[in-house]
Amino acid sequence: MFRKLGQSMAALSFKYIPDPSIFAVLLTFIAFGLGIALTKSGPMDMVLNWYKGFWELLSFSMQMALMVITASTVANAPAIKKWISHLASVPKNSKQAVYFVALISVAVSIVHWGLSLVLGALLAREVGRSLRRRNVPFEYGLIGAAAYLGQMTWHGGMSASIGLLIATPGHFLEKQIGVIPIWDYMVNPMNIVVTIAILVFPPLFAWMIHPKDGEIKPLEPDVAAYLDKADDIVSKTRSVVTIGDKMNNSKAIAYILALLGFTYIVYHFATKGFSLDLNIVNTIFFFAGIALHGTMADYVQAVKDATPGVSGIIFQFPLYAGIMGMVRYSGLVDVLSAALVSISTINTFYLWTFITASIVNLFVPSGGGQWAVQGPIAMKSAEMMGASYIKSALAVAYGNTWTNMVQPFWAIALLGITGLKARDVIGYSTAIMILSFLVFALPLLFLNA
């Protein structure tokens, strides 16, 4: 029943939902119209508010782009790929494979969402290859959905865009809410319960919806051919002729640079304790990638390979910043915040924030981009309600991740690695999403941050 529901929702999503870049444009128009209709701002005022915000997120955009790129370079390092290939032999049948891939994806997402996306996709592919070599029938679409689960479970963890941003001095809401340490964002009763619950229940739900053995769909010919291709974990050979070539491929240069980076990282934690923000997380993965690839030539190539994955961030974030400018500077933030407060009690406020965030995520699939649009409203609403800033931020974060399972934006990278089509994955992931609703909703109703 849940698989059929998920497949129906996925079909509607792909038929009617355009590219997220179009939604960024449409939301710009909507914010512009609402500002004129609901505030004292005129058309030219809204144009000025829009441009005032348009370039305010440049540093944040770069930080988010690096989150994607640095995680991808780590996941695609030869040593990590070999480790993934070894792990792929662990599951003995299709149901074990689904649970195993889901658990790894969710666990890694608590450390880094980008790493979970790429590593989970690589693991799903290698598990599929391993089962195929052993002539074990497997539901590859569900294994792919299991690899995608990390995108539903990451936003209370160490790479949380919202948590890291509000822990970074100078963030765009600092005057209102101050700088909130990532420790306070992550380590509180509500988020601890949610973190434990996402490690237990989504992998279990993925295992539960596995079809019976006789109902496992055979692989489509193109997918089978893709899995049968030779493993891409090969040693790299380059012509080393000139002094420049030798420097490009020098392990000494790469390792000295990595050592320099990790010297600062050790100093950071030795002097500041468990203090994370966007910059230090990117620093860790930046220099870990260099160390794992071993030469600057290999690392630069890995960065080039990962760069297409941030094209959406580069284009969409200025538009999100413009929307933020119109919402904040026109006074629309007060109007929308009052509307949210009017339908809430102190007990239901966080759940309504979660629900609205889950809807906004369908149109703004980036966690950082969504915070730029919804963060000012959520924090103003919390202020009006006398609610917790941390719990309100987590409610937005949970909503942002929950509906990723029916939002194909971040699945593009996974599909390219696994050789699957979106229709193979999204139906299953939507079913798991529906089953996981209470994992987020109950703590928001009954636990304090």
Protein backbone atom coordinates (compact mmCIF):
# COMPACT_ATOMS: atom_id res chain seq x y z
CA MET A 1 0.00 0.00 0.00
CA PHE A 2 2.75 2.45 0.95
CA ARG A 3 4.81 1.58 -2.16
CA LYS A 4 1.80 2.27 -4.39
CA LEU A 5 1.14 5.56 -2.59
CA GLY A 6 4.77 6.56 -2.96
CA GLN A 7 4.79 5.72 -6.66
CA SER A 8 1.63 7.79 -7.21
CA MET A 9 3.10 10.78 -5.39
CA ALA A 10 6.35 10.45 -7.32
CA ALA A 11 4.47 10.40 -10.62
CA LEU A 12 2.63 13.59 -9.66
CA SER A 13 5.89 15.20 -8.55
CA PHE A 14 7.64 14.54 -11.82
CA LYS A 15 4.64 15.54 -13.91
CA TYR A 16 3.87 18.87 -12.26
CA ILE A 17 6.89 20.08 -10.27
CA PRO A 18 9.39 22.04 -12.39
CA ASP A 19 13.09 22.53 -11.79
CA PRO A 20 13.86 24.18 -8.42
CA SER A 21 15.38 27.14 -10.26
CA ILE A 22 11.91 27.94 -11.63
CA PHE A 23 10.49 27.82 -8.11
CA ALA A 24 13.15 30.27 -6.97
CA VAL A 25 11.94 32.66 -9.67
CA LEU A 26 8.24 32.05 -8.88
CA LEU A 27 8.83 32.60 -5.16
CA THR A 28 10.53 35.88 -6.04
CA PHE A 29 7.35 36.98 -7.83
CA ILE A 30 5.16 35.77 -4.95
CA ALA A 31 7.21 37.62 -2.32
CA PHE A 32 7.13 40.73 -4.49
CA GLY A 33 3.33 40.58 -4.80
CA LEU A 34 2.74 39.81 -1.12
CA GLY A 35 4.98 42.70 -0.10
CA ILE A 36 2.90 45.13 -2.13
CA ALA A 37 -0.43 43.63 -1.02
CA LEU A 38 0.27 43.14 2.69
CA THR A 39 2.68 45.95 3.59
CA LYS A 40 3.02 49.65 2.89
CA SER A 41 5.78 49.01 0.33
CA GLY A 42 5.23 50.09 -3.25
CA PRO A 43 6.62 48.34 -6.35
CA MET A 44 9.84 50.37 -6.39
CA ASP A 45 10.29 49.80 -2.65
CA MET A 46 10.09 46.05 -3.26
CA VAL A 47 12.63 46.28 -6.08
CA LEU A 48 15.02 48.08 -3.73
CA ASN A 49 14.38 45.56 -0.92
CA TRP A 50 14.99 42.73 -3.37
CA TYR A 51 18.33 44.10 -4.52
CA LYS A 52 19.34 45.02 -0.97
CA GLY A 53 19.16 41.34 -0.06
CA PHE A 54 20.34 39.92 -3.39
CA TRP A 55 24.07 39.78 -2.56
CA GLU A 56 23.85 39.34 1.22
CA LEU A 57 24.43 35.57 1.12
CA LEU A 58 27.58 35.43 -1.02
CA SER A 59 29.80 34.05 1.75
CA PHE A 60 27.06 31.63 2.82
CA SER A 61 26.65 30.47 -0.80
CA MET A 62 30.37 29.73 -1.04
CA GLN A 63 30.28 27.87 2.27
CA MET A 64 27.40 25.70 1.05
CA ALA A 65 29.07 25.02 -2.29
CA LEU A 66 32.19 23.87 -0.44
CA MET A 67 30.06 21.61 1.77
CA VAL A 68 29.03 19.70 -1.35
CA ILE A 69 32.41 19.72 -3.09
CA THR A 70 34.62 18.78 -0.13
CA ALA A 71 32.33 15.92 0.92
CA SER A 72 32.24 14.58 -2.63
CA THR A 73 36.03 14.61 -2.94
CA VAL A 74 36.34 12.59 0.27
CA ALA A 75 33.72 10.03 -0.77
CA ASN A 76 35.38 9.58 -4.18
CA ALA A 77 38.90 9.09 -2.83
CA PRO A 78 40.42 5.72 -3.91
CA ALA A 79 40.85 4.49 -0.32
CA ILE A 80 37.21 5.23 0.50
CA LYS A 81 36.02 3.51 -2.68
CA LYS A 82 38.02 0.40 -1.82
CA TRP A 83 36.50 0.38 1.67
CA ILE A 84 33.03 0.70 0.13
CA SER A 85 33.77 -2.21 -2.21
CA HIS A 86 34.74 -4.32 0.79
CA LEU A 87 31.57 -3.39 2.71
CA ALA A 88 29.43 -4.33 -0.28
CA SER A 89 30.02 -8.03 0.33
CA VAL A 90 28.47 -7.92 3.83
CA PRO A 91 24.73 -8.26 2.92
CA LYS A 92 23.72 -11.81 1.98
CA ASN A 93 20.30 -11.06 0.50
CA SER A 94 18.19 -8.17 -0.74
CA LYS A 95 16.46 -7.33 2.58
CA GLN A 96 19.78 -7.29 4.39
CA ALA A 97 21.16 -5.04 1.66
CA VAL A 98 18.32 -2.55 2.05
CA TYR A 99 18.71 -2.34 5.83
CA PHE A 100 22.53 -2.21 5.66
CA VAL A 101 22.66 0.58 3.08
CA ALA A 102 19.96 2.56 4.92
CA LEU A 103 21.75 2.29 8.26
CA ILE A 104 25.11 3.36 6.80
CA SER A 105 23.52 6.25 4.92
CA VAL A 106 21.67 7.54 7.99
CA ALA A 107 24.67 7.11 10.32
CA VAL A 108 27.02 8.97 7.95
CA SER A 109 24.44 11.73 7.44
CA ILE A 110 24.76 12.66 11.11
CA VAL A 111 28.42 13.45 10.37
CA HIS A 112 28.01 15.05 6.93
CA TRP A 113 25.00 15.11 4.61
CA GLY A 114 27.04 15.49 1.43
CA LEU A 115 29.27 12.56 2.35
CA SER A 116 26.19 10.46 3.06
CA LEU A 117 24.69 11.24 -0.34
CA VAL A 118 27.77 10.28 -2.37
CA LEU A 119 29.01 7.46 -0.14
CA GLY A 120 25.51 5.99 0.14
CA ALA A 121 25.10 6.02 -3.63
CA LEU A 122 28.49 4.36 -4.15
CA LEU A 123 27.63 1.73 -1.53
CA ALA A 124 24.24 1.04 -3.15
CA ARG A 125 25.91 0.52 -6.53
CA GLU A 126 28.62 -1.77 -5.16
CA VAL A 127 26.09 -3.79 -3.13
CA GLY A 128 24.04 -4.22 -6.30
CA ARG A 129 27.11 -5.41 -8.18
CA SER A 130 28.07 -7.79 -5.39
CA LEU A 131 24.59 -9.38 -5.19
CA ARG A 132 24.43 -9.64 -8.98
CA ARG A 133 27.78 -11.42 -9.12
CA ARG A 134 26.44 -13.90 -6.54
CA ASN A 135 23.17 -14.36 -8.50
CA VAL A 136 21.10 -13.10 -5.55
CA PRO A 137 17.82 -11.38 -6.58
CA PHE A 138 17.58 -7.83 -5.22
CA GLU A 139 15.26 -4.84 -5.33
CA TYR A 140 17.71 -2.28 -6.63
CA GLY A 141 15.30 0.67 -6.55
CA LEU A 142 14.69 0.16 -2.83
CA ILE A 143 18.44 -0.14 -2.21
CA GLY A 144 18.81 3.20 -4.00
CA ALA A 145 16.05 4.70 -1.83
CA ALA A 146 17.85 3.37 1.25
CA ALA A 147 20.99 5.21 0.13
CA TYR A 148 18.93 8.40 -0.22
CA LEU A 149 17.62 8.23 3.36
CA GLY A 150 20.53 10.28 4.68
CA GLN A 151 18.93 13.31 3.04
CA MET A 152 15.98 12.91 5.43
CA THR A 153 18.03 12.54 8.59
CA TRP A 154 20.98 14.94 8.48
CA HIS A 155 19.72 18.31 9.65
CA GLY A 156 20.11 17.70 13.36
CA GLY A 157 23.69 16.54 12.96
CA MET A 158 27.21 17.92 12.64
CA SER A 159 26.75 19.29 9.10
CA ALA A 160 23.35 20.91 9.72
CA SER A 161 23.24 24.03 7.54
CA ILE A 162 20.98 25.85 9.97
CA GLY A 163 22.85 24.75 13.08
CA LEU A 164 26.27 25.61 11.65
CA LEU A 165 25.08 28.94 10.26
CA ILE A 166 23.61 30.19 13.54
CA ALA A 167 26.85 29.06 15.21
CA THR A 168 28.90 31.19 12.78
CA PRO A 169 29.62 34.76 13.96
CA GLY A 170 28.18 37.34 11.59
CA HIS A 171 25.25 35.24 10.35
CA PHE A 172 22.32 37.23 9.00
CA LEU A 173 20.08 36.72 12.07
CA GLU A 174 22.77 37.35 14.69
CA LYS A 175 21.28 40.66 15.86
CA GLN A 176 18.00 38.89 16.61
CA ILE A 177 19.01 35.53 18.06
CA GLY A 178 22.74 35.88 18.71
CA VAL A 179 25.29 33.14 18.01
CA ILE A 180 24.03 29.72 19.15
CA PRO A 181 26.76 27.08 19.63
CA ILE A 182 26.34 23.92 17.56
CA TRP A 183 26.57 21.92 20.81
CA ASP A 184 23.35 23.56 22.05
CA TYR A 185 21.67 22.93 18.69
CA MET A 186 22.66 19.24 18.58
CA VAL A 187 22.88 18.13 22.19
CA ASN A 188 19.48 18.76 23.74
CA PRO A 189 16.80 16.26 24.85
CA MET A 190 14.62 16.65 21.74
CA ASN A 191 17.37 16.35 19.15
CA ILE A 192 19.03 13.46 20.98
CA VAL A 193 15.75 11.53 20.88
CA VAL A 194 15.24 12.37 17.20
CA THR A 195 18.82 11.33 16.37
CA ILE A 196 18.40 7.96 18.09
CA ALA A 197 14.99 7.49 16.44
CA ILE A 198 16.30 8.15 12.92
CA LEU A 199 19.03 5.58 13.44
CA VAL A 200 16.40 3.00 14.42
CA PHE A 201 13.21 3.60 12.48
CA PRO A 202 13.88 4.72 8.86
CA PRO A 203 16.22 1.75 8.18
CA LEU A 204 13.58 -0.50 9.78
CA PHE A 205 10.85 1.03 7.61
CA ALA A 206 12.98 0.44 4.51
CA TRP A 207 13.35 -3.20 5.52
CA MET A 208 9.59 -3.50 6.21
CA ILE A 209 8.46 -2.31 2.76
CA HIS A 210 10.73 -4.72 0.90
CA PRO A 211 8.63 -6.77 -1.54
CA LYS A 212 8.27 -10.51 -1.16
CA ASP A 213 10.90 -12.62 -2.89
CA GLY A 214 8.55 -13.51 -5.71
CA GLU A 215 7.72 -9.83 -6.30
CA ILE A 216 11.27 -8.53 -6.73
CA LYS A 217 11.44 -6.74 -10.06
CA PRO A 218 14.15 -7.87 -12.49
CA LEU A 219 16.71 -5.25 -13.43
CA GLU A 220 16.05 -3.25 -16.56
CA PRO A 221 18.57 -4.12 -19.31
CA ASP A 222 20.35 -0.75 -19.19
CA VAL A 223 20.68 -0.91 -15.38
CA ALA A 224 21.96 -4.49 -15.56
CA ALA A 225 24.51 -3.46 -18.17
CA TYR A 226 25.60 -0.55 -16.01
CA LEU A 227 26.19 -2.79 -12.98
CA ASP A 228 28.09 -5.28 -15.12
CA LYS A 229 30.63 -2.66 -16.18
CA ALA A 230 34.15 -3.00 -14.83
CA ASP A 231 34.80 -1.42 -11.45
CA ASP A 232 35.98 2.17 -11.75
CA ILE A 233 38.42 1.84 -8.86
CA VAL A 234 41.61 1.86 -10.89
CA SER A 235 45.06 3.19 -10.31
CA LYS A 236 45.71 6.53 -11.97
CA THR A 237 48.68 6.90 -14.25
CA ARG A 238 49.84 10.22 -15.59
CA SER A 239 52.73 11.28 -17.73
CA VAL A 240 55.30 12.94 -15.49
CA VAL A 241 57.83 14.68 -17.70
CA THR A 242 58.33 18.30 -16.70
CA ILE A 243 59.13 19.84 -13.34
CA GLY A 244 55.57 21.16 -13.29
CA ASP A 245 54.23 17.61 -13.79
CA LYS A 246 56.35 16.38 -10.90
CA MET A 247 55.01 19.13 -8.63
CA ASN A 248 51.41 18.44 -9.67
CA ASN A 249 51.84 14.77 -8.80
CA SER A 250 54.04 15.20 -5.74
CA LYS A 251 52.75 13.40 -2.68
CA ALA A 252 55.08 15.44 -0.49
CA ILE A 253 53.45 18.73 -1.50
CA ALA A 254 49.94 17.37 -0.90
CA TYR A 255 50.77 15.83 2.46
CA ILE A 256 52.61 18.92 3.73
CA LEU A 257 49.61 21.07 2.83
CA ALA A 258 47.26 18.59 4.52
CA LEU A 259 49.52 18.59 7.61
CA LEU A 260 49.34 22.38 7.72
CA GLY A 261 45.56 22.24 7.61
CA PHE A 262 45.25 19.57 10.27
CA THR A 263 47.66 21.46 12.52
CA TYR A 264 45.12 24.27 12.65
CA ILE A 265 42.21 21.83 13.08
CA VAL A 266 43.88 20.26 16.13
CA TYR A 267 44.62 23.73 17.51
CA HIS A 268 40.98 24.76 16.96
CA PHE A 269 39.55 21.89 19.00
CA ALA A 270 42.31 22.08 21.62
CA THR A 271 41.58 25.73 22.33
CA LYS A 272 37.83 25.97 21.61
CA GLY A 273 36.50 22.54 22.53
CA PHE A 274 33.66 21.06 20.46
CA SER A 275 33.06 24.25 18.50
CA LEU A 276 31.76 23.68 14.98
CA ASP A 277 30.66 26.16 12.36
CA LEU A 278 30.47 26.08 8.58
CA ASN A 279 34.09 27.12 8.18
CA ILE A 280 35.69 24.49 10.42
CA VAL A 281 33.57 21.67 8.94
CA ASN A 282 34.63 22.69 5.44
CA THR A 283 38.24 22.95 6.63
CA ILE A 284 38.19 19.38 7.96
CA PHE A 285 36.80 17.89 4.74
CA PHE A 286 38.96 20.13 2.52
CA PHE A 287 42.23 18.88 3.97
CA ALA A 288 40.95 15.31 4.50
CA GLY A 289 40.25 15.20 0.76
CA ILE A 290 43.77 16.35 -0.08
CA ALA A 291 45.29 13.73 2.24
CA LEU A 292 43.11 10.94 0.85
CA HIS A 293 43.81 11.74 -2.81
CA GLY A 294 47.53 12.11 -2.16
CA THR A 295 48.45 14.55 -4.93
CA MET A 296 47.20 17.98 -5.88
CA ALA A 297 46.54 16.78 -9.45
CA ASP A 298 44.16 14.08 -8.23
CA TYR A 299 42.47 16.39 -5.73
CA VAL A 300 41.94 19.17 -8.26
CA GLN A 301 40.41 16.65 -10.66
CA ALA A 302 38.09 15.42 -7.88
CA VAL A 303 37.02 19.02 -7.25
CA LYS A 304 36.31 19.49 -10.97
CA ASP A 305 34.23 16.31 -10.99
CA ALA A 306 32.21 17.53 -8.01
CA THR A 307 31.67 21.10 -9.20
CA PRO A 308 28.61 20.41 -11.42
CA GLY A 309 26.77 19.40 -8.25
CA VAL A 310 26.81 22.99 -6.96
CA SER A 311 25.37 24.69 -10.04
CA GLY A 312 21.97 24.95 -8.35
CA ILE A 313 23.51 26.68 -5.33
CA ILE A 314 25.38 29.19 -7.48
CA PHE A 315 22.27 30.20 -9.42
CA GLN A 316 19.56 29.91 -6.79
CA PHE A 317 21.14 31.43 -3.67
CA PRO A 318 21.18 35.04 -4.94
CA LEU A 319 17.46 34.63 -5.69
CA TYR A 320 16.83 33.21 -2.20
CA ALA A 321 18.77 36.16 -0.77
CA GLY A 322 16.60 38.54 -2.79
CA ILE A 323 13.47 36.88 -1.40
CA MET A 324 14.93 37.20 2.09
CA GLY A 325 15.53 40.90 1.43
CA MET A 326 11.92 41.49 0.35
CA VAL A 327 10.55 39.55 3.33
CA ARG A 328 12.75 41.28 5.89
CA TYR A 329 12.96 44.86 4.68
CA SER A 330 9.35 45.29 3.59
CA GLY A 331 7.93 44.21 6.94
CA LEU A 332 6.43 41.09 5.35
CA VAL A 333 8.27 39.01 7.96
CA ASP A 334 6.03 40.52 10.66
CA VAL A 335 2.85 39.84 8.69
CA LEU A 336 3.70 36.21 7.92
CA SER A 337 4.99 35.59 11.45
CA ALA A 338 1.75 36.94 12.92
CA ALA A 339 -0.22 34.61 10.64
CA LEU A 340 1.72 31.58 11.89
CA VAL A 341 1.33 32.66 15.50
CA SER A 342 -2.42 33.18 15.06
CA ILE A 343 -3.01 29.48 14.30
CA SER A 344 -0.64 28.18 16.98
CA THR A 345 -0.51 27.53 20.66
CA ILE A 346 2.79 27.19 22.49
CA ASN A 347 2.34 23.40 22.24
CA THR A 348 1.51 23.26 18.52
CA PHE A 349 3.76 26.08 17.29
CA TYR A 350 6.74 23.83 16.62
CA LEU A 351 4.65 21.26 14.75
CA TRP A 352 3.15 23.98 12.54
CA THR A 353 6.66 25.29 11.89
CA PHE A 354 7.72 21.77 10.88
CA ILE A 355 4.73 21.35 8.56
CA THR A 356 5.24 24.71 6.86
CA ALA A 357 8.95 23.94 6.47
CA SER A 358 8.17 20.58 4.87
CA ILE A 359 5.97 22.36 2.32
CA VAL A 360 8.51 25.13 1.64
CA ASN A 361 11.17 22.44 1.07
CA LEU A 362 9.25 21.21 -1.98
CA PHE A 363 9.96 24.59 -3.54
CA VAL A 364 13.30 25.45 -1.92
CA PRO A 365 15.14 22.12 -1.63
CA SER A 366 18.36 23.55 -0.17
CA GLY A 367 18.51 23.64 3.61
CA GLY A 368 20.60 26.80 3.59
CA GLY A 369 18.43 28.42 0.94
CA GLN A 370 15.28 27.54 2.85
CA TRP A 371 16.69 29.09 6.01
CA ALA A 372 17.37 32.30 4.10
CA VAL A 373 13.71 32.38 3.07
CA GLN A 374 11.99 30.94 6.15
CA GLY A 375 14.50 31.62 8.92
CA PRO A 376 13.53 35.27 9.49
CA ILE A 377 9.85 34.30 9.66
CA ALA A 378 10.47 31.33 11.97
CA MET A 379 12.62 33.33 14.37
CA LYS A 380 10.24 36.30 14.42
CA SER A 381 7.34 33.91 15.09
CA ALA A 382 9.30 32.28 17.91
CA GLU A 383 9.98 35.70 19.40
CA MET A 384 6.27 36.59 19.25
CA MET A 385 5.29 33.24 20.80
CA GLY A 386 7.97 33.35 23.47
CA ALA A 387 9.19 30.05 22.01
CA SER A 388 12.68 28.51 21.96
CA TYR A 389 14.89 29.70 19.10
CA ILE A 390 16.74 26.38 19.09
CA LYS A 391 13.61 24.22 18.97
CA SER A 392 12.12 26.49 16.29
CA ALA A 393 15.30 26.21 14.21
CA LEU A 394 15.23 22.43 14.59
CA ALA A 395 11.56 22.36 13.53
CA VAL A 396 12.52 24.14 10.30
CA ALA A 397 15.49 21.79 9.89
CA TYR A 398 13.39 18.64 10.34
CA GLY A 399 10.76 19.90 7.90
CA ASN A 400 13.45 20.73 5.38
CA THR A 401 14.80 17.18 5.42
CA TRP A 402 11.58 15.22 5.80
CA THR A 403 10.13 16.00 2.37
CA ASN A 404 13.47 15.52 0.63
CA MET A 405 12.21 11.98 0.08
CA VAL A 406 9.64 13.18 -2.46
CA GLN A 407 11.84 16.02 -3.77
CA PRO A 408 14.14 14.77 -6.57
CA PHE A 409 16.59 17.72 -6.43
CA TRP A 410 19.31 16.01 -4.37
CA ALA A 411 18.60 12.60 -5.90
CA ILE A 412 20.27 13.64 -9.17
CA ALA A 413 23.75 12.80 -7.89
CA LEU A 414 22.55 9.46 -6.51
CA LEU A 415 20.88 8.51 -9.79
CA GLY A 416 24.03 9.30 -11.76
CA ILE A 417 26.13 7.03 -9.53
CA THR A 418 23.69 4.11 -9.25
CA GLY A 419 22.38 4.13 -12.83
CA LEU A 420 18.81 4.15 -11.51
CA LYS A 421 15.95 6.35 -12.70
CA ALA A 422 14.04 8.65 -10.39
CA ARG A 423 10.87 6.59 -10.69
CA ASP A 424 12.78 3.58 -9.33
CA VAL A 425 13.67 5.40 -6.12
CA ILE A 426 11.17 8.14 -5.26
CA GLY A 427 8.19 5.85 -4.78
CA TYR A 428 9.99 3.87 -2.11
CA SER A 429 11.53 6.93 -0.45
CA THR A 430 8.11 8.60 -0.27
CA ALA A 431 6.66 5.57 1.49
CA ILE A 432 9.49 5.67 4.05
CA MET A 433 8.90 9.41 4.47
CA ILE A 434 5.23 8.88 5.35
CA LEU A 435 6.09 6.16 7.84
CA SER A 436 8.69 8.47 9.44
CA PHE A 437 6.33 11.37 10.16
CA LEU A 438 5.93 10.57 13.85
CA VAL A 439 9.70 10.26 14.29
CA PHE A 440 9.82 14.05 13.94
CA ALA A 441 6.31 15.10 15.00
CA LEU A 442 6.12 13.47 18.43
CA PRO A 443 9.35 14.98 19.82
CA LEU A 444 8.30 18.41 18.51
CA LEU A 445 5.02 18.08 20.41
CA PHE A 446 6.28 16.67 23.68
CA LEU A 447 10.01 17.32 24.21
CA ASN A 448 12.01 20.44 24.99
CA ALA A 449 15.19 21.54 23.25
